[in-house]
Amino acid sequence: MTAEERLSARIVGRVQGVGFRWWVRSRAEELTLTGWVANDADDRAVELVAEGSAKALDAFERMLWEGPASAHVERVEAAREPASGGFRRFEITRP
């Protein structure tokens, strides 16, 4: 069994009001990741925390640069650390 990791990311661009959080949740569920996604208060970013295998997080991070067709991602600020194991599923939350 591989060690679980945590990805914390802030995605900047036209990512609010375009279905980005729903798209993120769907991709996370496909990859069996747990965590959360929320709009950032600045109206130009989405923040998330995802936990799972390094391989799944690598694929997820690449997907974040694409987003749904209606989004325009300018930047993904991401960091990794060991997983906390504190999530049961992937949820859309509020800031």
N, C-alpha and C. Protein backbone atom coordinates (compact mmCIF):
# COMPACT_ATOMS: atom_id res chain seq x y z
N MET A 1 0.85 -1.19 0.00
CA MET A 1 0.00 0.00 0.00
C MET A 1 0.89 1.25 0.00
N THR A 2 0.56 2.21 -0.87
CA THR A 2 1.35 3.42 -0.95
C THR A 2 0.87 4.45 0.06
N ALA A 3 1.77 5.31 0.45
CA ALA A 3 1.43 6.37 1.41
C ALA A 3 0.51 7.38 0.76
N GLU A 4 -0.45 7.84 1.50
CA GLU A 4 -1.37 8.86 1.02
C GLU A 4 -0.70 10.23 1.15
N GLU A 5 -1.05 11.12 0.23
CA GLU A 5 -0.54 12.49 0.24
C GLU A 5 -1.70 13.47 0.25
N ARG A 6 -1.37 14.74 0.55
CA ARG A 6 -2.33 15.83 0.52
C ARG A 6 -1.85 16.86 -0.50
N LEU A 7 -2.77 17.30 -1.34
CA LEU A 7 -2.53 18.39 -2.28
C LEU A 7 -3.37 19.57 -1.83
N SER A 8 -2.73 20.69 -1.56
CA SER A 8 -3.45 21.95 -1.29
C SER A 8 -3.20 22.83 -2.50
N ALA A 9 -4.27 23.39 -3.05
CA ALA A 9 -4.10 24.18 -4.27
C ALA A 9 -5.04 25.39 -4.28
N ARG A 10 -4.57 26.41 -4.96
CA ARG A 10 -5.36 27.62 -5.23
C ARG A 10 -5.30 27.81 -6.74
N ILE A 11 -6.47 27.82 -7.37
CA ILE A 11 -6.56 27.95 -8.82
C ILE A 11 -7.09 29.34 -9.12
N VAL A 12 -6.34 30.10 -9.91
CA VAL A 12 -6.64 31.49 -10.20
C VAL A 12 -7.04 31.64 -11.67
N GLY A 13 -8.02 32.48 -11.92
CA GLY A 13 -8.48 32.76 -13.28
C GLY A 13 -9.98 32.94 -13.29
N ARG A 14 -10.60 32.65 -14.43
CA ARG A 14 -12.06 32.68 -14.51
C ARG A 14 -12.55 31.30 -14.08
N VAL A 15 -12.67 31.13 -12.76
CA VAL A 15 -12.99 29.83 -12.19
C VAL A 15 -14.20 29.87 -11.26
N GLN A 16 -14.81 31.03 -11.12
CA GLN A 16 -16.02 31.14 -10.31
C GLN A 16 -17.20 31.44 -11.24
N GLY A 17 -18.33 30.82 -10.95
CA GLY A 17 -19.52 31.04 -11.76
C GLY A 17 -19.51 30.30 -13.08
N VAL A 18 -18.59 29.31 -13.22
CA VAL A 18 -18.48 28.56 -14.47
C VAL A 18 -18.55 27.05 -14.24
N GLY A 19 -18.99 26.63 -13.05
CA GLY A 19 -19.11 25.21 -12.75
C GLY A 19 -17.81 24.55 -12.35
N PHE A 20 -16.81 25.35 -12.01
CA PHE A 20 -15.49 24.79 -11.71
C PHE A 20 -15.50 23.88 -10.48
N ARG A 21 -16.17 24.30 -9.41
CA ARG A 21 -16.19 23.47 -8.20
C ARG A 21 -16.88 22.13 -8.45
N TRP A 22 -17.97 22.13 -9.20
CA TRP A 22 -18.66 20.88 -9.53
C TRP A 22 -17.78 20.00 -10.39
N TRP A 23 -17.09 20.59 -11.33
CA TRP A 23 -16.17 19.85 -12.19
C TRP A 23 -15.04 19.24 -11.36
N VAL A 24 -14.47 20.02 -10.42
CA VAL A 24 -13.41 19.53 -9.55
C VAL A 24 -13.90 18.33 -8.73
N ARG A 25 -15.09 18.46 -8.15
CA ARG A 25 -15.62 17.37 -7.34
C ARG A 25 -15.78 16.10 -8.17
N SER A 26 -16.28 16.25 -9.38
CA SER A 26 -16.46 15.09 -10.25
C SER A 26 -15.12 14.42 -10.58
N ARG A 27 -14.11 15.21 -10.91
CA ARG A 27 -12.79 14.64 -11.20
C ARG A 27 -12.20 13.97 -9.96
N ALA A 28 -12.36 14.60 -8.80
CA ALA A 28 -11.84 14.02 -7.55
C ALA A 28 -12.51 12.69 -7.25
N GLU A 29 -13.82 12.62 -7.45
CA GLU A 29 -14.54 11.36 -7.22
C GLU A 29 -14.08 10.28 -8.18
N GLU A 30 -13.83 10.63 -9.45
CA GLU A 30 -13.33 9.66 -10.43
C GLU A 30 -11.99 9.07 -9.99
N LEU A 31 -11.18 9.89 -9.32
CA LEU A 31 -9.84 9.46 -8.89
C LEU A 31 -9.83 8.92 -7.46
N THR A 32 -11.01 8.80 -6.87
CA THR A 32 -11.20 8.34 -5.48
C THR A 32 -10.40 9.18 -4.47
N LEU A 33 -10.42 10.49 -4.68
CA LEU A 33 -9.78 11.42 -3.75
C LEU A 33 -10.81 11.89 -2.73
N THR A 34 -10.34 12.31 -1.59
CA THR A 34 -11.19 12.91 -0.57
C THR A 34 -10.71 14.33 -0.32
N GLY A 35 -11.57 15.17 0.28
CA GLY A 35 -11.19 16.54 0.59
C GLY A 35 -12.32 17.50 0.35
N TRP A 36 -11.97 18.70 -0.09
CA TRP A 36 -12.98 19.74 -0.32
C TRP A 36 -12.51 20.75 -1.36
N VAL A 37 -13.47 21.50 -1.91
CA VAL A 37 -13.20 22.61 -2.83
C VAL A 37 -14.16 23.74 -2.47
N ALA A 38 -13.67 24.99 -2.56
CA ALA A 38 -14.50 26.16 -2.23
C ALA A 38 -14.04 27.36 -3.04
N ASN A 39 -14.99 28.27 -3.30
CA ASN A 39 -14.62 29.55 -3.90
C ASN A 39 -13.81 30.35 -2.90
N ASP A 40 -12.80 31.05 -3.38
CA ASP A 40 -12.03 31.96 -2.55
C ASP A 40 -12.81 33.27 -2.48
N ALA A 41 -12.60 34.02 -1.44
CA ALA A 41 -13.35 35.27 -1.24
C ALA A 41 -13.02 36.34 -2.27
N ASP A 42 -11.91 36.21 -3.00
CA ASP A 42 -11.50 37.28 -3.92
C ASP A 42 -12.18 37.24 -5.29
N ASP A 43 -13.09 36.29 -5.52
CA ASP A 43 -13.84 36.19 -6.78
C ASP A 43 -13.01 35.78 -7.99
N ARG A 44 -11.74 35.49 -7.84
CA ARG A 44 -10.91 35.07 -8.97
C ARG A 44 -10.16 33.79 -8.69
N ALA A 45 -10.56 33.07 -7.64
CA ALA A 45 -9.82 31.86 -7.30
C ALA A 45 -10.73 30.83 -6.65
N VAL A 46 -10.28 29.60 -6.72
CA VAL A 46 -10.90 28.47 -6.05
C VAL A 46 -9.80 27.79 -5.26
N GLU A 47 -10.12 27.38 -4.03
CA GLU A 47 -9.16 26.67 -3.20
C GLU A 47 -9.64 25.25 -2.97
N LEU A 48 -8.68 24.33 -2.78
CA LEU A 48 -9.05 22.95 -2.52
C LEU A 48 -7.98 22.24 -1.71
N VAL A 49 -8.41 21.19 -1.07
CA VAL A 49 -7.52 20.23 -0.42
C VAL A 49 -7.99 18.86 -0.88
N ALA A 50 -7.06 18.05 -1.38
CA ALA A 50 -7.40 16.71 -1.84
C ALA A 50 -6.39 15.72 -1.27
N GLU A 51 -6.87 14.57 -0.87
CA GLU A 51 -6.00 13.52 -0.35
C GLU A 51 -6.22 12.23 -1.12
N GLY A 52 -5.12 11.50 -1.33
CA GLY A 52 -5.17 10.23 -2.03
C GLY A 52 -3.77 9.80 -2.39
N SER A 53 -3.67 8.88 -3.33
CA SER A 53 -2.36 8.39 -3.76
C SER A 53 -1.62 9.47 -4.55
N ALA A 54 -0.31 9.39 -4.54
CA ALA A 54 0.50 10.36 -5.30
C ALA A 54 0.14 10.32 -6.78
N LYS A 55 -0.09 9.13 -7.31
CA LYS A 55 -0.42 8.98 -8.74
C LYS A 55 -1.74 9.68 -9.06
N ALA A 56 -2.75 9.47 -8.21
CA ALA A 56 -4.04 10.12 -8.44
C ALA A 56 -3.93 11.63 -8.30
N LEU A 57 -3.15 12.10 -7.32
CA LEU A 57 -2.98 13.54 -7.14
C LEU A 57 -2.22 14.17 -8.30
N ASP A 58 -1.25 13.44 -8.86
CA ASP A 58 -0.53 13.94 -10.04
C ASP A 58 -1.51 14.16 -11.19
N ALA A 59 -2.38 13.19 -11.43
CA ALA A 59 -3.37 13.30 -12.51
C ALA A 59 -4.34 14.45 -12.21
N PHE A 60 -4.78 14.56 -10.97
CA PHE A 60 -5.71 15.61 -10.56
C PHE A 60 -5.10 16.99 -10.77
N GLU A 61 -3.84 17.14 -10.37
CA GLU A 61 -3.18 18.44 -10.52
C GLU A 61 -3.08 18.84 -11.99
N ARG A 62 -2.79 17.88 -12.86
CA ARG A 62 -2.76 18.18 -14.30
C ARG A 62 -4.13 18.62 -14.79
N MET A 63 -5.19 17.96 -14.30
CA MET A 63 -6.56 18.30 -14.71
C MET A 63 -6.93 19.72 -14.27
N LEU A 64 -6.42 20.15 -13.12
CA LEU A 64 -6.76 21.48 -12.61
C LEU A 64 -6.34 22.58 -13.58
N TRP A 65 -5.30 22.35 -14.36
CA TRP A 65 -4.85 23.34 -15.34
C TRP A 65 -5.83 23.47 -16.50
N GLU A 66 -6.64 22.44 -16.72
CA GLU A 66 -7.60 22.45 -17.83
C GLU A 66 -8.94 23.03 -17.39
N GLY A 67 -9.53 22.47 -16.35
CA GLY A 67 -10.84 22.92 -15.90
C GLY A 67 -11.91 22.61 -16.92
N PRO A 68 -13.16 22.96 -16.61
CA PRO A 68 -14.24 22.76 -17.57
C PRO A 68 -14.08 23.74 -18.74
N ALA A 69 -14.79 23.49 -19.81
CA ALA A 69 -14.65 24.32 -21.03
C ALA A 69 -14.94 25.79 -20.77
N SER A 70 -15.84 26.10 -19.85
CA SER A 70 -16.23 27.49 -19.59
C SER A 70 -15.24 28.25 -18.72
N ALA A 71 -14.24 27.57 -18.17
CA ALA A 71 -13.26 28.21 -17.28
C ALA A 71 -12.01 28.62 -18.05
N HIS A 72 -11.25 29.53 -17.45
CA HIS A 72 -9.93 29.90 -17.97
C HIS A 72 -8.97 29.94 -16.79
N VAL A 73 -8.12 28.94 -16.70
CA VAL A 73 -7.16 28.84 -15.60
C VAL A 73 -5.90 29.61 -15.95
N GLU A 74 -5.56 30.59 -15.13
CA GLU A 74 -4.35 31.37 -15.32
C GLU A 74 -3.17 30.79 -14.55
N ARG A 75 -3.48 30.24 -13.36
CA ARG A 75 -2.39 29.79 -12.49
C ARG A 75 -2.92 28.75 -11.50
N VAL A 76 -2.09 27.74 -11.21
CA VAL A 76 -2.37 26.76 -10.16
C VAL A 76 -1.22 26.82 -9.18
N GLU A 77 -1.52 27.23 -7.95
CA GLU A 77 -0.52 27.28 -6.89
C GLU A 77 -0.75 26.04 -6.03
N ALA A 78 0.20 25.11 -6.03
CA ALA A 78 -0.02 23.83 -5.37
C ALA A 78 1.13 23.47 -4.45
N ALA A 79 0.80 22.75 -3.38
CA ALA A 79 1.80 22.25 -2.43
C ALA A 79 1.37 20.87 -1.98
N ARG A 80 2.35 20.04 -1.64
CA ARG A 80 2.07 18.68 -1.15
C ARG A 80 2.61 18.50 0.26
N GLU A 81 1.94 17.62 0.99
CA GLU A 81 2.38 17.22 2.32
C GLU A 81 1.74 15.87 2.63
N PRO A 82 2.11 15.24 3.74
CA PRO A 82 1.46 13.97 4.09
C PRO A 82 -0.04 14.18 4.34
N ALA A 83 -0.82 13.17 4.03
CA ALA A 83 -2.28 13.24 4.23
C ALA A 83 -2.62 13.20 5.70
N SER A 84 -3.73 13.84 6.04
CA SER A 84 -4.23 13.80 7.42
C SER A 84 -5.15 12.60 7.64
N GLY A 85 -5.79 12.14 6.56
CA GLY A 85 -6.74 11.04 6.67
C GLY A 85 -8.06 11.45 7.29
N GLY A 86 -8.30 12.76 7.37
CA GLY A 86 -9.48 13.25 8.06
C GLY A 86 -10.72 13.44 7.20
N PHE A 87 -10.69 13.05 5.93
CA PHE A 87 -11.84 13.25 5.05
C PHE A 87 -12.46 11.91 4.68
N ARG A 88 -13.78 11.90 4.53
CA ARG A 88 -14.48 10.68 4.13
C ARG A 88 -14.84 10.69 2.65
N ARG A 89 -15.06 11.88 2.09
CA ARG A 89 -15.42 12.03 0.68
C ARG A 89 -14.93 13.39 0.20
N PHE A 90 -15.23 13.73 -1.05
CA PHE A 90 -14.84 15.02 -1.58
C PHE A 90 -16.08 15.91 -1.63
N GLU A 91 -16.01 17.07 -1.01
CA GLU A 91 -17.19 17.94 -0.88
C GLU A 91 -16.94 19.34 -1.43
N ILE A 92 -18.02 19.97 -1.86
CA ILE A 92 -18.01 21.40 -2.18
C ILE A 92 -18.42 22.12 -0.90
N THR A 93 -17.58 23.07 -0.49
CA THR A 93 -17.87 23.82 0.74
C THR A 93 -17.90 25.32 0.44
N ARG A 94 -18.19 26.08 1.46
CA ARG A 94 -18.16 27.54 1.35
C ARG A 94 -16.93 28.04 2.09
N PRO A 95 -16.38 29.19 1.65
CA PRO A 95 -15.18 29.73 2.32
C PRO A 95 -15.48 30.12 3.76
